């Protein structure tokens, strides 16, 4: 892509690349590029119109706030939400010891492999319950 842009933006390289085209082919390429440029201009105009409309709405709101005697700083103070507190991790509810390794599980999420194997073998989940 970078090489293509380099060819398009460099006069001599572009001329060398287009040398083999007939006049009709060259005019067809120019027409296609002109159509792309026109579409891009339309998109840009629509985007600018949307931005102008948005800016006009913002100015209207600012004017209304000024008339009511409300500053933007006051608005920021009122709208700032308290930071969310991170909850403490859940305490483990089940535990099992396999080959000297202590495996715990809260009872939520994926069941640890060691506990799952024991459950599949017919053991009860209550057997692994941590007793306080």
N, C-alpha and C. Protein backbone atom coordinates (compact mmCIF):
# COMPACT_ATOMS: atom_id res chain seq x y z
N UNK A 1 0.83 -1.19 0.00
CA UNK A 1 0.00 0.00 0.00
C UNK A 1 0.87 1.25 0.00
N UNK A 2 1.94 1.23 0.80
CA UNK A 2 2.82 2.39 0.86
C UNK A 2 3.48 2.62 -0.50
N UNK A 3 3.83 1.54 -1.19
CA UNK A 3 4.46 1.67 -2.51
C UNK A 3 3.47 2.27 -3.51
N UNK A 4 2.20 1.86 -3.42
CA UNK A 4 1.17 2.39 -4.30
C UNK A 4 1.02 3.89 -4.09
N UNK A 5 0.97 4.30 -2.83
CA UNK A 5 0.85 5.73 -2.53
C UNK A 5 2.07 6.50 -3.01
N UNK A 6 3.22 5.89 -2.89
CA UNK A 6 4.45 6.53 -3.35
C UNK A 6 4.41 6.75 -4.86
N UNK A 7 3.90 5.77 -5.58
CA UNK A 7 3.79 5.91 -7.03
C UNK A 7 2.78 7.00 -7.39
N UNK A 8 1.63 7.00 -6.71
CA UNK A 8 0.59 7.99 -7.02
C UNK A 8 1.04 9.41 -6.73
N UNK A 9 1.83 9.61 -5.71
CA UNK A 9 2.19 10.97 -5.30
C UNK A 9 3.48 11.46 -5.94
N UNK A 10 4.17 10.62 -6.67
CA UNK A 10 5.42 11.02 -7.32
C UNK A 10 5.15 11.12 -8.82
N UNK A 11 5.29 12.30 -9.38
CA UNK A 11 4.94 12.56 -10.77
C UNK A 11 5.62 11.66 -11.78
N UNK A 12 6.91 11.52 -11.69
CA UNK A 12 7.64 10.71 -12.68
C UNK A 12 7.29 9.23 -12.58
N UNK A 13 7.19 8.74 -11.36
CA UNK A 13 6.86 7.32 -11.17
C UNK A 13 5.45 7.03 -11.68
N UNK A 14 4.53 7.95 -11.41
CA UNK A 14 3.15 7.78 -11.89
C UNK A 14 3.12 7.77 -13.42
N UNK A 15 3.83 8.69 -14.02
CA UNK A 15 3.88 8.77 -15.48
C UNK A 15 4.45 7.48 -16.06
N UNK A 16 5.49 6.94 -15.44
CA UNK A 16 6.10 5.70 -15.93
C UNK A 16 5.12 4.53 -15.81
N UNK A 17 4.35 4.48 -14.74
CA UNK A 17 3.39 3.39 -14.54
C UNK A 17 2.23 3.48 -15.52
N UNK A 18 1.82 4.70 -15.85
CA UNK A 18 0.67 4.89 -16.73
C UNK A 18 1.05 4.93 -18.20
N UNK A 19 2.31 4.83 -18.51
CA UNK A 19 2.83 4.94 -19.87
C UNK A 19 2.21 3.89 -20.81
N UNK A 20 1.97 2.70 -20.31
CA UNK A 20 1.44 1.63 -21.14
C UNK A 20 -0.06 1.70 -21.38
N UNK A 21 -0.77 2.62 -20.73
CA UNK A 21 -2.22 2.70 -20.90
C UNK A 21 -2.57 3.50 -22.15
N UNK A 22 -3.69 3.10 -22.76
CA UNK A 22 -4.19 3.89 -23.88
C UNK A 22 -4.86 5.13 -23.34
N UNK A 23 -5.17 6.06 -24.22
CA UNK A 23 -5.82 7.30 -23.79
C UNK A 23 -7.18 7.01 -23.17
N UNK A 24 -7.94 6.06 -23.75
CA UNK A 24 -9.25 5.71 -23.20
C UNK A 24 -9.12 5.12 -21.80
N UNK A 25 -8.16 4.22 -21.61
CA UNK A 25 -7.93 3.62 -20.28
C UNK A 25 -7.51 4.68 -19.27
N UNK A 26 -6.67 5.60 -19.70
CA UNK A 26 -6.22 6.66 -18.83
C UNK A 26 -7.39 7.56 -18.41
N UNK A 27 -8.26 7.89 -19.34
CA UNK A 27 -9.43 8.71 -19.02
C UNK A 27 -10.39 7.96 -18.09
N UNK A 28 -10.48 6.64 -18.26
CA UNK A 28 -11.33 5.84 -17.37
C UNK A 28 -10.78 5.86 -15.95
N UNK A 29 -9.45 5.73 -15.81
CA UNK A 29 -8.83 5.80 -14.48
C UNK A 29 -9.07 7.16 -13.85
N UNK A 30 -8.92 8.22 -14.64
CA UNK A 30 -9.15 9.59 -14.13
C UNK A 30 -10.59 9.75 -13.68
N UNK A 31 -11.54 9.21 -14.46
CA UNK A 31 -12.96 9.33 -14.11
C UNK A 31 -13.26 8.60 -12.80
N UNK A 32 -12.66 7.42 -12.63
CA UNK A 32 -12.88 6.67 -11.39
C UNK A 32 -12.30 7.40 -10.19
N UNK A 33 -11.11 7.96 -10.38
CA UNK A 33 -10.49 8.70 -9.28
C UNK A 33 -11.29 9.96 -8.96
N UNK A 34 -11.83 10.62 -9.98
CA UNK A 34 -12.65 11.81 -9.77
C UNK A 34 -13.92 11.45 -9.00
N UNK A 35 -14.52 10.31 -9.32
CA UNK A 35 -15.72 9.86 -8.61
C UNK A 35 -15.40 9.60 -7.14
N UNK A 36 -14.27 8.97 -6.89
CA UNK A 36 -13.85 8.71 -5.51
C UNK A 36 -13.64 10.02 -4.76
N UNK A 37 -13.02 11.00 -5.42
CA UNK A 37 -12.78 12.30 -4.80
C UNK A 37 -14.10 13.00 -4.48
N UNK A 38 -15.07 12.92 -5.38
CA UNK A 38 -16.38 13.53 -5.15
C UNK A 38 -17.10 12.87 -3.98
N UNK A 39 -17.03 11.53 -3.91
CA UNK A 39 -17.65 10.83 -2.78
C UNK A 39 -17.00 11.25 -1.46
N UNK A 40 -15.68 11.38 -1.48
CA UNK A 40 -14.96 11.78 -0.28
C UNK A 40 -15.37 13.19 0.14
N UNK A 41 -15.55 14.10 -0.84
CA UNK A 41 -15.99 15.46 -0.54
C UNK A 41 -17.38 15.45 0.09
N UNK A 42 -18.28 14.61 -0.45
CA UNK A 42 -19.63 14.51 0.11
C UNK A 42 -19.60 14.00 1.54
N UNK A 43 -18.78 12.98 1.79
CA UNK A 43 -18.65 12.45 3.15
C UNK A 43 -18.14 13.51 4.10
N UNK A 44 -17.13 14.25 3.65
CA UNK A 44 -16.55 15.30 4.48
C UNK A 44 -17.56 16.40 4.77
N UNK A 45 -18.35 16.77 3.75
CA UNK A 45 -19.37 17.80 3.94
C UNK A 45 -20.44 17.32 4.93
N UNK A 46 -20.84 16.06 4.82
CA UNK A 46 -21.84 15.52 5.75
C UNK A 46 -21.28 15.49 7.18
N UNK A 47 -20.02 15.09 7.31
CA UNK A 47 -19.39 15.06 8.62
C UNK A 47 -19.29 16.46 9.22
N UNK A 48 -18.91 17.44 8.39
CA UNK A 48 -18.83 18.82 8.87
C UNK A 48 -20.19 19.36 9.27
N UNK A 49 -21.23 19.00 8.51
CA UNK A 49 -22.59 19.43 8.86
C UNK A 49 -23.02 18.84 10.19
N UNK A 50 -22.71 17.56 10.40
CA UNK A 50 -23.07 16.91 11.66
C UNK A 50 -22.31 17.56 12.83
N UNK A 51 -21.04 17.86 12.60
CA UNK A 51 -20.25 18.52 13.65
C UNK A 51 -20.78 19.91 13.94
N UNK A 52 -21.17 20.64 12.89
CA UNK A 52 -21.70 21.98 13.08
C UNK A 52 -23.00 21.93 13.89
N UNK A 53 -23.83 20.95 13.60
CA UNK A 53 -25.09 20.78 14.34
C UNK A 53 -24.80 20.45 15.81
N UNK A 54 -23.83 19.60 16.03
CA UNK A 54 -23.45 19.22 17.40
C UNK A 54 -22.89 20.42 18.15
N UNK A 55 -22.04 21.19 17.50
CA UNK A 55 -21.45 22.37 18.13
C UNK A 55 -22.53 23.39 18.45
N UNK A 56 -23.51 23.53 17.55
CA UNK A 56 -24.61 24.47 17.80
C UNK A 56 -25.42 24.04 19.03
N UNK A 57 -25.65 22.73 19.17
CA UNK A 57 -26.38 22.24 20.34
C UNK A 57 -25.59 22.49 21.62
N UNK A 58 -24.29 22.27 21.56
CA UNK A 58 -23.45 22.50 22.74
C UNK A 58 -23.48 23.97 23.13
N UNK A 59 -23.39 24.85 22.14
CA UNK A 59 -23.43 26.29 22.43
C UNK A 59 -24.78 26.69 23.01
N UNK A 60 -25.86 26.11 22.51
CA UNK A 60 -27.20 26.42 23.05
C UNK A 60 -27.30 25.99 24.51
N UNK A 61 -26.75 24.82 24.82
CA UNK A 61 -26.77 24.33 26.21
C UNK A 61 -25.91 25.23 27.08
N UNK A 62 -24.73 25.63 26.58
CA UNK A 62 -23.86 26.53 27.35
C UNK A 62 -24.57 27.85 27.63
N UNK A 63 -25.25 28.36 26.62
CA UNK A 63 -25.97 29.63 26.79
C UNK A 63 -27.05 29.49 27.84
N UNK A 64 -27.78 28.37 27.79
CA UNK A 64 -28.84 28.14 28.77
C UNK A 64 -28.26 28.01 30.18
N UNK A 65 -27.14 27.34 30.31
CA UNK A 65 -26.48 27.22 31.62
C UNK A 65 -26.05 28.58 32.13
N UNK A 66 -25.50 29.40 31.25
CA UNK A 66 -25.06 30.73 31.65
C UNK A 66 -26.25 31.57 32.10
N UNK A 67 -27.37 31.45 31.39
CA UNK A 67 -28.57 32.20 31.78
C UNK A 67 -29.09 31.75 33.15
N UNK A 68 -28.95 30.48 33.45
CA UNK A 68 -29.41 29.95 34.73
C UNK A 68 -28.37 30.11 35.84
N UNK A 69 -27.19 30.62 35.48
CA UNK A 69 -26.15 30.85 36.48
C UNK A 69 -25.43 29.59 36.92
N UNK A 70 -25.36 28.61 36.06
CA UNK A 70 -24.69 27.35 36.39
C UNK A 70 -23.38 27.29 35.60
N UNK A 71 -22.28 27.00 36.30
CA UNK A 71 -20.99 26.91 35.62
C UNK A 71 -20.71 25.45 35.28
N UNK A 72 -19.80 25.25 34.33
CA UNK A 72 -19.43 23.90 33.93
C UNK A 72 -18.74 23.15 35.07
N UNK A 73 -18.00 23.88 35.92
CA UNK A 73 -17.34 23.25 37.06
C UNK A 73 -18.37 22.64 38.02
N UNK A 74 -19.48 23.36 38.22
CA UNK A 74 -20.53 22.83 39.08
C UNK A 74 -21.12 21.55 38.49
N UNK A 75 -21.28 21.52 37.20
CA UNK A 75 -21.81 20.33 36.55
C UNK A 75 -20.87 19.15 36.73
N UNK A 76 -19.59 19.37 36.57
CA UNK A 76 -18.61 18.30 36.72
C UNK A 76 -18.63 17.73 38.13
N UNK A 77 -18.80 18.58 39.12
CA UNK A 77 -18.84 18.12 40.51
C UNK A 77 -20.07 17.25 40.74
N UNK A 78 -21.19 17.63 40.14
CA UNK A 78 -22.43 16.90 40.36
C UNK A 78 -22.46 15.56 39.62
N UNK A 79 -21.81 15.50 38.46
CA UNK A 79 -21.92 14.30 37.65
C UNK A 79 -20.83 13.27 37.91
N UNK A 80 -19.77 13.64 38.61
CA UNK A 80 -18.70 12.68 38.85
C UNK A 80 -19.21 11.57 39.77
N UNK A 81 -19.09 10.37 39.32
CA UNK A 81 -19.54 9.22 40.10
C UNK A 81 -18.43 8.80 41.05
N UNK A 82 -18.83 8.27 42.16
CA UNK A 82 -17.83 7.75 43.10
C UNK A 82 -17.14 6.56 42.47
N UNK A 83 -15.85 6.42 42.69
CA UNK A 83 -15.17 5.27 42.10
C UNK A 83 -15.72 3.97 42.66
N UNK A 84 -15.83 2.99 41.79
CA UNK A 84 -16.38 1.71 42.21
C UNK A 84 -15.39 1.02 43.12
N UNK A 85 -15.91 0.48 44.18
CA UNK A 85 -15.07 -0.24 45.12
C UNK A 85 -14.93 -1.68 44.63
N UNK A 86 -13.73 -2.17 44.70
CA UNK A 86 -13.48 -3.54 44.31
C UNK A 86 -13.86 -4.43 45.48
N UNK A 87 -14.67 -5.42 45.20
CA UNK A 87 -15.11 -6.28 46.30
C UNK A 87 -13.98 -7.24 46.68
N UNK A 88 -14.04 -7.66 47.89
CA UNK A 88 -13.03 -8.59 48.38
C UNK A 88 -13.24 -9.95 47.71
N UNK A 89 -12.17 -10.68 47.48
CA UNK A 89 -12.33 -12.00 46.86
C UNK A 89 -13.14 -12.93 47.76
N UNK A 90 -13.87 -13.79 47.14
CA UNK A 90 -14.68 -14.73 47.91
C UNK A 90 -13.78 -15.73 48.63
N UNK A 91 -14.16 -16.09 49.83
CA UNK A 91 -13.35 -17.08 50.55
C UNK A 91 -13.59 -18.47 49.96
N UNK A 92 -12.59 -19.33 50.01
CA UNK A 92 -12.78 -20.68 49.47
C UNK A 92 -13.81 -21.45 50.30
N UNK A 93 -14.60 -22.25 49.62
CA UNK A 93 -15.66 -23.01 50.27
C UNK A 93 -15.31 -24.50 50.32
N UNK A 94 -14.52 -24.94 49.35
CA UNK A 94 -14.15 -26.35 49.27
C UNK A 94 -12.63 -26.45 49.15
N UNK A 95 -12.09 -27.56 49.67
CA UNK A 95 -10.66 -27.79 49.53
C UNK A 95 -10.37 -29.28 49.41
N UNK A 96 -9.25 -29.56 48.75
CA UNK A 96 -8.80 -30.93 48.59
C UNK A 96 -7.28 -30.90 48.54
N UNK A 97 -6.65 -31.94 49.05
CA UNK A 97 -5.20 -32.04 48.99
C UNK A 97 -4.84 -33.22 48.10
N UNK A 98 -4.06 -32.93 47.04
CA UNK A 98 -3.65 -33.94 46.09
C UNK A 98 -2.13 -33.87 45.97
N UNK A 99 -1.46 -34.98 46.28
CA UNK A 99 0.00 -35.05 46.19
C UNK A 99 0.67 -33.91 46.96
N UNK A 100 0.15 -33.59 48.11
CA UNK A 100 0.72 -32.53 48.94
C UNK A 100 0.33 -31.13 48.51
N UNK A 101 -0.39 -31.00 47.42
CA UNK A 101 -0.82 -29.68 46.93
C UNK A 101 -2.23 -29.39 47.45
N UNK A 102 -2.38 -28.21 48.03
CA UNK A 102 -3.65 -27.77 48.62
C UNK A 102 -4.44 -27.02 47.54
N UNK A 103 -5.59 -27.56 47.12
CA UNK A 103 -6.41 -26.93 46.09
C UNK A 103 -7.71 -26.47 46.73
N UNK A 104 -8.04 -25.18 46.52
CA UNK A 104 -9.29 -24.62 47.08
C UNK A 104 -10.18 -24.17 45.95
N UNK A 105 -11.47 -24.05 46.26
CA UNK A 105 -12.46 -23.63 45.27
C UNK A 105 -13.56 -22.87 45.99
N UNK A 106 -14.03 -21.76 45.40
CA UNK A 106 -15.07 -20.95 46.02
C UNK A 106 -16.47 -21.52 45.78
N UNK A 107 -16.58 -22.44 44.84
CA UNK A 107 -17.90 -22.98 44.51
C UNK A 107 -18.48 -22.29 43.29
N UNK A 108 -17.74 -21.31 42.76
CA UNK A 108 -18.19 -20.61 41.56
C UNK A 108 -17.16 -20.81 40.47
N UNK A 109 -17.61 -20.76 39.25
CA UNK A 109 -16.69 -20.93 38.13
C UNK A 109 -16.42 -22.40 37.87
N UNK A 110 -15.38 -22.64 37.10
CA UNK A 110 -15.03 -24.00 36.71
C UNK A 110 -14.55 -24.79 37.93
N UNK A 111 -15.04 -26.01 38.04
CA UNK A 111 -14.63 -26.90 39.12
C UNK A 111 -13.19 -27.34 38.90
N UNK A 112 -12.33 -27.24 39.91
CA UNK A 112 -10.95 -27.72 39.73
C UNK A 112 -10.94 -29.19 39.32
N UNK A 113 -9.94 -29.55 38.54
CA UNK A 113 -9.84 -30.88 37.97
C UNK A 113 -9.83 -31.96 39.05
N UNK A 114 -9.08 -31.72 40.14
CA UNK A 114 -8.98 -32.73 41.20
C UNK A 114 -10.34 -32.99 41.85
N UNK A 115 -11.09 -31.93 42.10
CA UNK A 115 -12.42 -32.09 42.72
C UNK A 115 -13.36 -32.75 41.72
N UNK A 116 -13.30 -32.34 40.47
CA UNK A 116 -14.18 -32.92 39.44
C UNK A 116 -13.93 -34.42 39.31
N UNK A 117 -12.67 -34.84 39.32
CA UNK A 117 -12.37 -36.26 39.21
C UNK A 117 -12.96 -37.04 40.38
N UNK A 118 -12.87 -36.48 41.58
CA UNK A 118 -13.43 -37.15 42.77
C UNK A 118 -14.95 -37.22 42.67
N UNK A 119 -15.57 -36.13 42.20
CA UNK A 119 -17.03 -36.13 42.05
C UNK A 119 -17.46 -37.16 41.02
N UNK A 120 -16.71 -37.27 39.92
CA UNK A 120 -17.03 -38.25 38.89
C UNK A 120 -16.87 -39.68 39.41
N UNK A 121 -15.97 -39.83 40.39
CA UNK A 121 -15.72 -41.15 40.97
C UNK A 121 -16.79 -41.53 42.01
N UNK A 122 -17.72 -40.61 42.28
CA UNK A 122 -18.81 -40.93 43.19
C UNK A 122 -18.75 -40.23 44.53
N UNK A 123 -17.75 -39.43 44.78
CA UNK A 123 -17.67 -38.70 46.04
C UNK A 123 -18.69 -37.58 46.06
N UNK A 124 -19.02 -37.11 47.24
CA UNK A 124 -19.99 -36.04 47.43
C UNK A 124 -19.24 -34.72 47.60
N UNK A 125 -19.83 -33.63 47.12
CA UNK A 125 -19.22 -32.31 47.24
C UNK A 125 -19.07 -31.91 48.71
N UNK A 126 -19.98 -32.38 49.56
CA UNK A 126 -19.93 -32.06 50.98
C UNK A 126 -18.65 -32.59 51.64
N UNK A 127 -18.05 -33.61 51.06
CA UNK A 127 -16.81 -34.17 51.61
C UNK A 127 -15.67 -33.16 51.56
N UNK A 128 -15.75 -32.22 50.61
CA UNK A 128 -14.66 -31.27 50.42
C UNK A 128 -14.96 -29.91 51.06
N UNK A 129 -16.12 -29.79 51.72
CA UNK A 129 -16.53 -28.56 52.35
C UNK A 129 -15.55 -28.17 53.45
N UNK A 130 -15.16 -26.92 53.49
CA UNK A 130 -14.26 -26.44 54.55
C UNK A 130 -15.11 -26.19 55.79
N UNK A 131 -14.73 -26.81 56.87
CA UNK A 131 -15.48 -26.65 58.12
C UNK A 131 -14.75 -25.63 58.99
N UNK A 132 -15.48 -24.64 59.42
CA UNK A 132 -14.88 -23.59 60.25
C UNK A 132 -14.76 -23.99 61.69
